Amino acid sequence: MSTAKPVPEGFHTITPHLIVRDSRAAIDFYQRAFGAQLQGGIATTPDGKVMHALIKIGDSLLMLNDEFPEHGVAAPKPGESGVSLHIYVDHVDQFFDRAVDAGAQIKMPLADMFWGDRYGKVLDPFGHQWTLGTHIKDMTQDEMKVAMDEAMGAMRKSA
């Protein structure tokens, strides 16, 4: 009987796996923008394309590889991904600025949100959306509902 853990050490039940057009450039960007750390080596094809890389951002692992359209594995067109990756950090303003300085495009400026987070959204140069946040206020479901109604009412008035 195997003693291998069903979920390997360091992984969580869900681990994002991104497809990008240039994994080496993406790894460099994620290191500069999010403080990512490369975990182990990079597996490549004989022609140098990245088949598998593993990075760690905070306490979470992220897999990535180059696109292989001939096998139906394609990176998203910038801004067309239906997925957003969320990162909680201690100081979102500094983290957000670091991502933008590294080349991320602001899609939603940072703001204090009705659910108790300071939150914003960026698009990385490889077409993936990232939401960044710091939890700043614990709220009950009732408090969130009141705050959401107020926020939506203010949006309707400004439209």
N, C-alpha and C. Protein backbone atom coordinates (compact mmCIF):
# COMPACT_ATOMS: atom_id res chain seq x y z
N MET A 1 0.84 -1.18 0.00
CA MET A 1 0.00 0.00 0.00
C MET A 1 0.89 1.24 0.00
N SER A 2 0.54 2.22 -0.80
CA SER A 2 1.31 3.45 -0.91
C SER A 2 1.14 4.33 0.32
N THR A 3 2.21 5.01 0.69
CA THR A 3 2.14 5.96 1.80
C THR A 3 2.07 7.40 1.28
N ALA A 4 1.94 7.54 -0.03
CA ALA A 4 1.87 8.88 -0.62
C ALA A 4 0.59 9.58 -0.16
N LYS A 5 0.73 10.89 0.14
CA LYS A 5 -0.43 11.68 0.52
C LYS A 5 -1.26 11.96 -0.74
N PRO A 6 -2.58 11.83 -0.67
CA PRO A 6 -3.43 12.12 -1.84
C PRO A 6 -3.27 13.56 -2.33
N VAL A 7 -3.09 14.49 -1.41
CA VAL A 7 -2.81 15.89 -1.76
C VAL A 7 -1.38 16.14 -1.30
N PRO A 8 -0.44 16.34 -2.24
CA PRO A 8 0.97 16.48 -1.87
C PRO A 8 1.22 17.63 -0.89
N GLU A 9 2.27 17.49 -0.12
CA GLU A 9 2.66 18.50 0.86
C GLU A 9 2.78 19.88 0.20
N GLY A 10 2.19 20.89 0.84
CA GLY A 10 2.26 22.26 0.33
C GLY A 10 1.12 22.65 -0.58
N PHE A 11 0.40 21.67 -1.12
CA PHE A 11 -0.71 21.95 -2.01
C PHE A 11 -2.00 22.06 -1.20
N HIS A 12 -3.00 22.70 -1.79
CA HIS A 12 -4.34 22.78 -1.22
C HIS A 12 -5.25 21.95 -2.12
N THR A 13 -6.49 21.80 -1.77
CA THR A 13 -7.42 21.00 -2.56
C THR A 13 -7.52 21.53 -3.99
N ILE A 14 -7.55 22.84 -4.15
CA ILE A 14 -7.59 23.45 -5.48
C ILE A 14 -6.29 24.21 -5.69
N THR A 15 -5.64 23.94 -6.80
CA THR A 15 -4.40 24.64 -7.17
C THR A 15 -4.58 25.21 -8.57
N PRO A 16 -4.54 26.54 -8.71
CA PRO A 16 -4.65 27.12 -10.06
C PRO A 16 -3.52 26.65 -10.96
N HIS A 17 -3.83 26.52 -12.25
CA HIS A 17 -2.85 26.13 -13.26
C HIS A 17 -3.09 27.05 -14.46
N LEU A 18 -2.16 27.97 -14.68
CA LEU A 18 -2.31 28.97 -15.74
C LEU A 18 -1.59 28.56 -17.01
N ILE A 19 -2.22 28.84 -18.13
CA ILE A 19 -1.60 28.68 -19.43
C ILE A 19 -1.24 30.08 -19.91
N VAL A 20 0.03 30.26 -20.31
CA VAL A 20 0.51 31.57 -20.75
C VAL A 20 1.29 31.42 -22.05
N ARG A 21 1.51 32.53 -22.74
CA ARG A 21 2.25 32.49 -24.00
C ARG A 21 3.76 32.45 -23.79
N ASP A 22 4.24 32.86 -22.63
CA ASP A 22 5.68 32.87 -22.37
C ASP A 22 5.89 32.64 -20.87
N SER A 23 6.01 31.38 -20.48
CA SER A 23 6.10 31.04 -19.06
C SER A 23 7.30 31.68 -18.37
N ARG A 24 8.42 31.75 -19.05
CA ARG A 24 9.61 32.34 -18.41
C ARG A 24 9.37 33.82 -18.09
N ALA A 25 8.76 34.54 -19.04
CA ALA A 25 8.44 35.95 -18.80
C ALA A 25 7.37 36.07 -17.72
N ALA A 26 6.42 35.15 -17.70
CA ALA A 26 5.36 35.18 -16.68
C ALA A 26 5.96 34.95 -15.29
N ILE A 27 6.85 33.98 -15.18
CA ILE A 27 7.50 33.72 -13.89
C ILE A 27 8.24 34.96 -13.42
N ASP A 28 8.97 35.60 -14.32
CA ASP A 28 9.69 36.84 -13.97
C ASP A 28 8.71 37.91 -13.50
N PHE A 29 7.59 38.08 -14.23
CA PHE A 29 6.59 39.07 -13.85
C PHE A 29 6.01 38.74 -12.47
N TYR A 30 5.61 37.49 -12.24
CA TYR A 30 5.01 37.11 -10.96
C TYR A 30 5.99 37.26 -9.81
N GLN A 31 7.28 37.07 -10.08
CA GLN A 31 8.28 37.31 -9.05
C GLN A 31 8.35 38.80 -8.70
N ARG A 32 8.38 39.65 -9.73
CA ARG A 32 8.45 41.09 -9.49
C ARG A 32 7.16 41.66 -8.94
N ALA A 33 6.02 41.20 -9.46
CA ALA A 33 4.72 41.76 -9.08
C ALA A 33 4.21 41.23 -7.75
N PHE A 34 4.35 39.92 -7.52
CA PHE A 34 3.71 39.28 -6.39
C PHE A 34 4.68 38.60 -5.43
N GLY A 35 5.99 38.74 -5.67
CA GLY A 35 6.97 38.10 -4.80
C GLY A 35 7.00 36.58 -4.95
N ALA A 36 6.59 36.06 -6.10
CA ALA A 36 6.57 34.61 -6.33
C ALA A 36 7.96 34.02 -6.21
N GLN A 37 7.98 32.78 -5.77
CA GLN A 37 9.23 32.03 -5.67
C GLN A 37 9.09 30.76 -6.51
N LEU A 38 10.07 30.53 -7.38
CA LEU A 38 10.08 29.32 -8.20
C LEU A 38 10.34 28.12 -7.30
N GLN A 39 9.54 27.09 -7.45
CA GLN A 39 9.67 25.87 -6.64
C GLN A 39 10.26 24.78 -7.53
N GLY A 40 11.51 24.45 -7.33
CA GLY A 40 12.16 23.42 -8.14
C GLY A 40 12.50 23.93 -9.52
N GLY A 41 12.70 22.99 -10.42
CA GLY A 41 13.09 23.34 -11.78
C GLY A 41 11.90 23.57 -12.69
N ILE A 42 12.23 23.83 -13.93
CA ILE A 42 11.22 24.03 -14.97
C ILE A 42 11.35 22.88 -15.96
N ALA A 43 10.27 22.16 -16.21
CA ALA A 43 10.28 21.07 -17.19
C ALA A 43 9.99 21.65 -18.57
N THR A 44 10.87 21.33 -19.51
CA THR A 44 10.73 21.88 -20.86
C THR A 44 10.68 20.78 -21.91
N THR A 45 10.13 21.13 -23.06
CA THR A 45 10.15 20.24 -24.22
C THR A 45 11.54 20.35 -24.86
N PRO A 46 11.88 19.46 -25.79
CA PRO A 46 13.19 19.56 -26.45
C PRO A 46 13.42 20.90 -27.14
N ASP A 47 12.36 21.57 -27.58
CA ASP A 47 12.53 22.87 -28.24
C ASP A 47 12.47 24.04 -27.25
N GLY A 48 12.44 23.75 -25.94
CA GLY A 48 12.54 24.80 -24.93
C GLY A 48 11.24 25.36 -24.40
N LYS A 49 10.09 24.88 -24.89
CA LYS A 49 8.82 25.37 -24.35
C LYS A 49 8.61 24.79 -22.95
N VAL A 50 8.00 25.59 -22.08
CA VAL A 50 7.78 25.16 -20.70
C VAL A 50 6.54 24.27 -20.63
N MET A 51 6.76 23.02 -20.21
CA MET A 51 5.67 22.07 -20.02
C MET A 51 5.09 22.18 -18.62
N HIS A 52 5.94 22.54 -17.64
CA HIS A 52 5.47 22.64 -16.26
C HIS A 52 6.44 23.47 -15.44
N ALA A 53 5.86 24.40 -14.69
CA ALA A 53 6.62 25.17 -13.69
C ALA A 53 5.70 25.33 -12.49
N LEU A 54 6.32 25.47 -11.33
CA LEU A 54 5.57 25.62 -10.09
C LEU A 54 6.15 26.81 -9.34
N ILE A 55 5.28 27.76 -8.99
CA ILE A 55 5.71 28.91 -8.20
C ILE A 55 4.86 28.98 -6.94
N LYS A 56 5.38 29.71 -5.97
CA LYS A 56 4.66 29.90 -4.72
C LYS A 56 4.49 31.39 -4.49
N ILE A 57 3.25 31.80 -4.23
CA ILE A 57 2.92 33.18 -3.89
C ILE A 57 2.31 33.12 -2.50
N GLY A 58 2.96 33.75 -1.53
CA GLY A 58 2.51 33.63 -0.15
C GLY A 58 2.58 32.19 0.28
N ASP A 59 1.45 31.63 0.71
CA ASP A 59 1.44 30.23 1.13
C ASP A 59 0.77 29.32 0.10
N SER A 60 0.59 29.81 -1.13
CA SER A 60 -0.14 29.05 -2.14
C SER A 60 0.72 28.75 -3.36
N LEU A 61 0.50 27.57 -3.91
CA LEU A 61 1.21 27.14 -5.11
C LEU A 61 0.38 27.43 -6.35
N LEU A 62 1.08 27.70 -7.44
CA LEU A 62 0.47 28.00 -8.73
C LEU A 62 1.29 27.28 -9.79
N MET A 63 0.63 26.47 -10.61
CA MET A 63 1.30 25.81 -11.72
C MET A 63 1.11 26.63 -12.98
N LEU A 64 2.07 26.56 -13.89
CA LEU A 64 1.89 27.22 -15.17
C LEU A 64 2.70 26.52 -16.24
N ASN A 65 2.28 26.73 -17.47
CA ASN A 65 3.02 26.22 -18.62
C ASN A 65 2.71 27.06 -19.84
N ASP A 66 3.57 26.91 -20.85
CA ASP A 66 3.35 27.59 -22.13
C ASP A 66 2.13 26.99 -22.80
N GLU A 67 1.58 27.76 -23.73
CA GLU A 67 0.46 27.23 -24.48
C GLU A 67 0.96 26.24 -25.53
N PHE A 68 0.12 25.29 -25.84
CA PHE A 68 0.38 24.29 -26.87
C PHE A 68 -0.90 24.17 -27.70
N PRO A 69 -1.14 25.17 -28.60
CA PRO A 69 -2.40 25.19 -29.35
C PRO A 69 -2.65 23.92 -30.16
N GLU A 70 -1.58 23.27 -30.59
CA GLU A 70 -1.73 22.04 -31.35
C GLU A 70 -2.36 20.91 -30.52
N HIS A 71 -2.36 21.11 -29.19
CA HIS A 71 -2.99 20.14 -28.29
C HIS A 71 -4.22 20.73 -27.58
N GLY A 72 -4.71 21.86 -28.08
CA GLY A 72 -5.89 22.49 -27.49
C GLY A 72 -5.61 23.21 -26.19
N VAL A 73 -4.35 23.57 -25.93
CA VAL A 73 -3.96 24.26 -24.70
C VAL A 73 -3.55 25.68 -25.08
N ALA A 74 -4.45 26.64 -24.86
CA ALA A 74 -4.21 28.01 -25.30
C ALA A 74 -4.32 28.99 -24.15
N ALA A 75 -3.49 30.01 -24.19
CA ALA A 75 -3.55 31.11 -23.22
C ALA A 75 -4.72 32.01 -23.58
N PRO A 76 -5.27 32.72 -22.59
CA PRO A 76 -6.37 33.63 -22.91
C PRO A 76 -5.86 34.85 -23.67
N LYS A 77 -6.75 35.44 -24.45
CA LYS A 77 -6.44 36.74 -25.03
C LYS A 77 -6.52 37.73 -23.88
N PRO A 78 -5.69 38.76 -23.87
CA PRO A 78 -5.69 39.70 -22.74
C PRO A 78 -7.08 40.19 -22.39
N GLY A 79 -7.44 39.99 -21.12
CA GLY A 79 -8.71 40.47 -20.62
C GLY A 79 -9.90 39.58 -20.91
N GLU A 80 -9.70 38.44 -21.57
CA GLU A 80 -10.82 37.59 -21.94
C GLU A 80 -10.96 36.35 -21.08
N SER A 81 -10.16 36.23 -20.05
CA SER A 81 -10.25 35.07 -19.18
C SER A 81 -11.51 35.15 -18.33
N GLY A 82 -12.17 34.02 -18.16
CA GLY A 82 -13.35 33.96 -17.31
C GLY A 82 -13.01 33.66 -15.87
N VAL A 83 -11.72 33.69 -15.53
CA VAL A 83 -11.25 33.35 -14.20
C VAL A 83 -10.47 34.52 -13.62
N SER A 84 -10.62 34.73 -12.34
CA SER A 84 -9.84 35.73 -11.63
C SER A 84 -9.18 35.04 -10.44
N LEU A 85 -7.92 35.32 -10.21
CA LEU A 85 -7.21 34.77 -9.07
C LEU A 85 -7.16 35.83 -7.99
N HIS A 86 -7.49 35.44 -6.76
CA HIS A 86 -7.53 36.41 -5.66
C HIS A 86 -6.37 36.17 -4.71
N ILE A 87 -5.71 37.25 -4.30
CA ILE A 87 -4.62 37.18 -3.34
C ILE A 87 -4.97 38.07 -2.15
N TYR A 88 -5.00 37.48 -0.96
CA TYR A 88 -5.12 38.24 0.27
C TYR A 88 -3.72 38.52 0.79
N VAL A 89 -3.46 39.76 1.15
CA VAL A 89 -2.16 40.17 1.68
C VAL A 89 -2.37 41.10 2.87
N ASP A 90 -1.30 41.34 3.62
CA ASP A 90 -1.37 42.22 4.78
C ASP A 90 -1.53 43.69 4.40
N HIS A 91 -0.85 44.12 3.35
CA HIS A 91 -0.83 45.54 2.97
C HIS A 91 -1.14 45.66 1.47
N VAL A 92 -2.41 45.67 1.12
CA VAL A 92 -2.81 45.61 -0.28
C VAL A 92 -2.36 46.84 -1.08
N ASP A 93 -2.31 48.00 -0.47
CA ASP A 93 -1.90 49.20 -1.23
C ASP A 93 -0.49 49.03 -1.77
N GLN A 94 0.43 48.58 -0.94
CA GLN A 94 1.81 48.36 -1.38
C GLN A 94 1.87 47.23 -2.41
N PHE A 95 1.13 46.17 -2.18
CA PHE A 95 1.12 45.03 -3.08
C PHE A 95 0.56 45.42 -4.45
N PHE A 96 -0.52 46.17 -4.45
CA PHE A 96 -1.16 46.65 -5.68
C PHE A 96 -0.18 47.52 -6.47
N ASP A 97 0.46 48.48 -5.79
CA ASP A 97 1.43 49.36 -6.45
C ASP A 97 2.58 48.57 -7.04
N ARG A 98 3.04 47.55 -6.32
CA ARG A 98 4.14 46.71 -6.80
C ARG A 98 3.73 45.99 -8.09
N ALA A 99 2.50 45.47 -8.13
CA ALA A 99 2.02 44.78 -9.33
C ALA A 99 1.94 45.75 -10.52
N VAL A 100 1.43 46.94 -10.29
CA VAL A 100 1.31 47.94 -11.35
C VAL A 100 2.70 48.37 -11.82
N ASP A 101 3.61 48.58 -10.89
CA ASP A 101 4.99 48.95 -11.26
C ASP A 101 5.66 47.86 -12.09
N ALA A 102 5.28 46.60 -11.86
CA ALA A 102 5.86 45.48 -12.60
C ALA A 102 5.24 45.31 -13.98
N GLY A 103 4.13 46.02 -14.26
CA GLY A 103 3.52 45.95 -15.58
C GLY A 103 2.07 45.52 -15.62
N ALA A 104 1.44 45.32 -14.46
CA ALA A 104 0.02 44.98 -14.44
C ALA A 104 -0.81 46.22 -14.79
N GLN A 105 -1.93 45.99 -15.45
CA GLN A 105 -2.84 47.07 -15.85
C GLN A 105 -3.97 47.16 -14.82
N ILE A 106 -4.24 48.35 -14.34
CA ILE A 106 -5.32 48.53 -13.37
C ILE A 106 -6.67 48.36 -14.08
N LYS A 107 -7.48 47.43 -13.56
CA LYS A 107 -8.83 47.22 -14.08
C LYS A 107 -9.87 47.78 -13.12
N MET A 108 -9.52 47.84 -11.83
CA MET A 108 -10.40 48.40 -10.81
C MET A 108 -9.49 48.95 -9.71
N PRO A 109 -9.48 50.27 -9.52
CA PRO A 109 -8.62 50.84 -8.48
C PRO A 109 -8.99 50.31 -7.09
N LEU A 110 -8.04 50.35 -6.19
CA LEU A 110 -8.31 49.93 -4.82
C LEU A 110 -9.38 50.80 -4.18
N ALA A 111 -10.24 50.16 -3.41
CA ALA A 111 -11.28 50.87 -2.66
C ALA A 111 -11.70 49.99 -1.49
N ASP A 112 -12.26 50.63 -0.48
CA ASP A 112 -12.83 49.89 0.64
C ASP A 112 -14.21 49.40 0.20
N MET A 113 -14.43 48.10 0.30
CA MET A 113 -15.64 47.49 -0.24
C MET A 113 -16.65 47.15 0.86
N PHE A 114 -17.90 47.00 0.45
CA PHE A 114 -18.99 46.79 1.40
C PHE A 114 -18.89 45.47 2.16
N TRP A 115 -18.09 44.52 1.67
CA TRP A 115 -17.97 43.24 2.36
C TRP A 115 -16.83 43.20 3.37
N GLY A 116 -16.12 44.35 3.52
CA GLY A 116 -15.10 44.43 4.56
C GLY A 116 -13.67 44.28 4.07
N ASP A 117 -13.45 44.30 2.77
CA ASP A 117 -12.10 44.22 2.21
C ASP A 117 -11.71 45.53 1.56
N ARG A 118 -10.43 45.84 1.59
CA ARG A 118 -9.85 46.84 0.69
C ARG A 118 -9.44 46.02 -0.52
N TYR A 119 -9.91 46.39 -1.71
CA TYR A 119 -9.92 45.48 -2.85
C TYR A 119 -9.71 46.23 -4.16
N GLY A 120 -8.98 45.60 -5.07
CA GLY A 120 -8.81 46.14 -6.42
C GLY A 120 -8.49 45.01 -7.38
N LYS A 121 -8.50 45.33 -8.69
CA LYS A 121 -8.27 44.32 -9.71
C LYS A 121 -7.23 44.80 -10.72
N VAL A 122 -6.34 43.87 -11.12
CA VAL A 122 -5.35 44.15 -12.16
C VAL A 122 -5.38 43.04 -13.20
N LEU A 123 -4.88 43.37 -14.38
CA LEU A 123 -4.72 42.40 -15.46
C LEU A 123 -3.24 42.24 -15.70
N ASP A 124 -2.75 41.00 -15.66
CA ASP A 124 -1.32 40.80 -15.89
C ASP A 124 -1.03 40.83 -17.39
N PRO A 125 0.24 40.96 -17.78
CA PRO A 125 0.58 41.04 -19.21
C PRO A 125 0.29 39.77 -19.99
N PHE A 126 -0.17 38.70 -19.32
CA PHE A 126 -0.40 37.42 -19.97
C PHE A 126 -1.88 37.09 -20.09
N GLY A 127 -2.74 38.09 -19.78
CA GLY A 127 -4.18 37.94 -19.97
C GLY A 127 -4.95 37.44 -18.77
N HIS A 128 -4.30 37.30 -17.62
CA HIS A 128 -4.98 36.79 -16.44
C HIS A 128 -5.34 37.92 -15.48
N GLN A 129 -6.56 37.85 -14.93
CA GLN A 129 -7.05 38.84 -13.98
C GLN A 129 -6.68 38.41 -12.56
N TRP A 130 -6.28 39.38 -11.77
CA TRP A 130 -5.94 39.16 -10.37
C TRP A 130 -6.71 40.16 -9.53
N THR A 131 -7.36 39.69 -8.48
CA THR A 131 -7.97 40.59 -7.52
C THR A 131 -7.10 40.54 -6.28
N LEU A 132 -6.89 41.70 -5.69
CA LEU A 132 -5.97 41.83 -4.56
C LEU A 132 -6.73 42.46 -3.41
N GLY A 133 -6.53 41.94 -2.22
CA GLY A 133 -7.28 42.48 -1.10
C GLY A 133 -6.62 42.29 0.25
N THR A 134 -7.04 43.14 1.16
CA THR A 134 -6.73 43.03 2.58
C THR A 134 -8.07 43.11 3.30
N HIS A 135 -8.32 42.15 4.17
CA HIS A 135 -9.56 42.18 4.95
C HIS A 135 -9.39 43.22 6.06
N ILE A 136 -10.28 44.22 6.08
CA ILE A 136 -10.12 45.33 7.03
C ILE A 136 -11.24 45.42 8.06
N LYS A 137 -12.34 44.68 7.83
CA LYS A 137 -13.45 44.79 8.77
C LYS A 137 -14.27 43.51 8.76
N ASP A 138 -14.44 42.89 9.93
CA ASP A 138 -15.33 41.74 10.06
C ASP A 138 -16.76 42.25 10.11
N MET A 139 -17.62 41.63 9.32
CA MET A 139 -19.01 42.08 9.25
C MET A 139 -19.95 40.89 9.30
N THR A 140 -21.12 41.10 9.88
CA THR A 140 -22.15 40.08 9.84
C THR A 140 -22.81 40.11 8.46
N GLN A 141 -23.58 39.08 8.15
CA GLN A 141 -24.31 39.06 6.88
C GLN A 141 -25.29 40.23 6.80
N ASP A 142 -25.92 40.58 7.92
CA ASP A 142 -26.85 41.71 7.93
C ASP A 142 -26.13 43.02 7.66
N GLU A 143 -24.97 43.21 8.28
CA GLU A 143 -24.19 44.44 8.04
C GLU A 143 -23.74 44.53 6.59
N MET A 144 -23.34 43.40 6.02
CA MET A 144 -22.94 43.39 4.60
C MET A 144 -24.11 43.75 3.70
N LYS A 145 -25.29 43.24 4.01
CA LYS A 145 -26.48 43.53 3.19
C LYS A 145 -26.79 45.02 3.22
N VAL A 146 -26.75 45.63 4.39
CA VAL A 146 -27.00 47.08 4.50
C VAL A 146 -25.94 47.85 3.72
N ALA A 147 -24.67 47.47 3.90
CA ALA A 147 -23.57 48.17 3.20
C ALA A 147 -23.68 47.99 1.69
N MET A 148 -24.07 46.79 1.23
CA MET A 148 -24.24 46.53 -0.19
C MET A 148 -25.38 47.39 -0.76
N ASP A 149 -26.49 47.44 -0.05
CA ASP A 149 -27.62 48.25 -0.51
C ASP A 149 -27.22 49.72 -0.62
N GLU A 150 -26.46 50.20 0.35
CA GLU A 150 -25.98 51.60 0.30
C GLU A 150 -25.05 51.80 -0.89
N ALA A 151 -24.13 50.87 -1.10
CA ALA A 151 -23.19 50.98 -2.22
C ALA A 151 -23.91 50.96 -3.57
N MET A 152 -24.87 50.06 -3.71
CA MET A 152 -25.62 49.97 -4.97
C MET A 152 -26.46 51.21 -5.19
N GLY A 153 -27.04 51.74 -4.13
CA GLY A 153 -27.81 52.98 -4.24
C GLY A 153 -26.95 54.14 -4.67
N ALA A 154 -25.75 54.24 -4.12
CA ALA A 154 -24.82 55.31 -4.51
C ALA A 154 -24.41 55.15 -5.98
N MET A 155 -24.24 53.90 -6.44
CA MET A 155 -23.86 53.66 -7.84
C MET A 155 -24.99 54.10 -8.77
N ARG A 156 -26.23 53.79 -8.39
CA ARG A 156 -27.37 54.17 -9.24
C ARG A 156 -27.50 55.68 -9.35
N LYS A 157 -27.26 56.37 -8.24
CA LYS A 157 -27.36 57.85 -8.25
C LYS A 157 -26.29 58.49 -9.11
N SER A 158 -25.09 57.87 -9.17
CA SER A 158 -24.00 58.47 -9.94
C SER A 158 -24.07 58.10 -11.41
N ALA A 159 -24.93 57.15 -11.77
CA ALA A 159 -25.03 56.69 -13.17
C ALA A 159 -25.89 57.61 -14.01
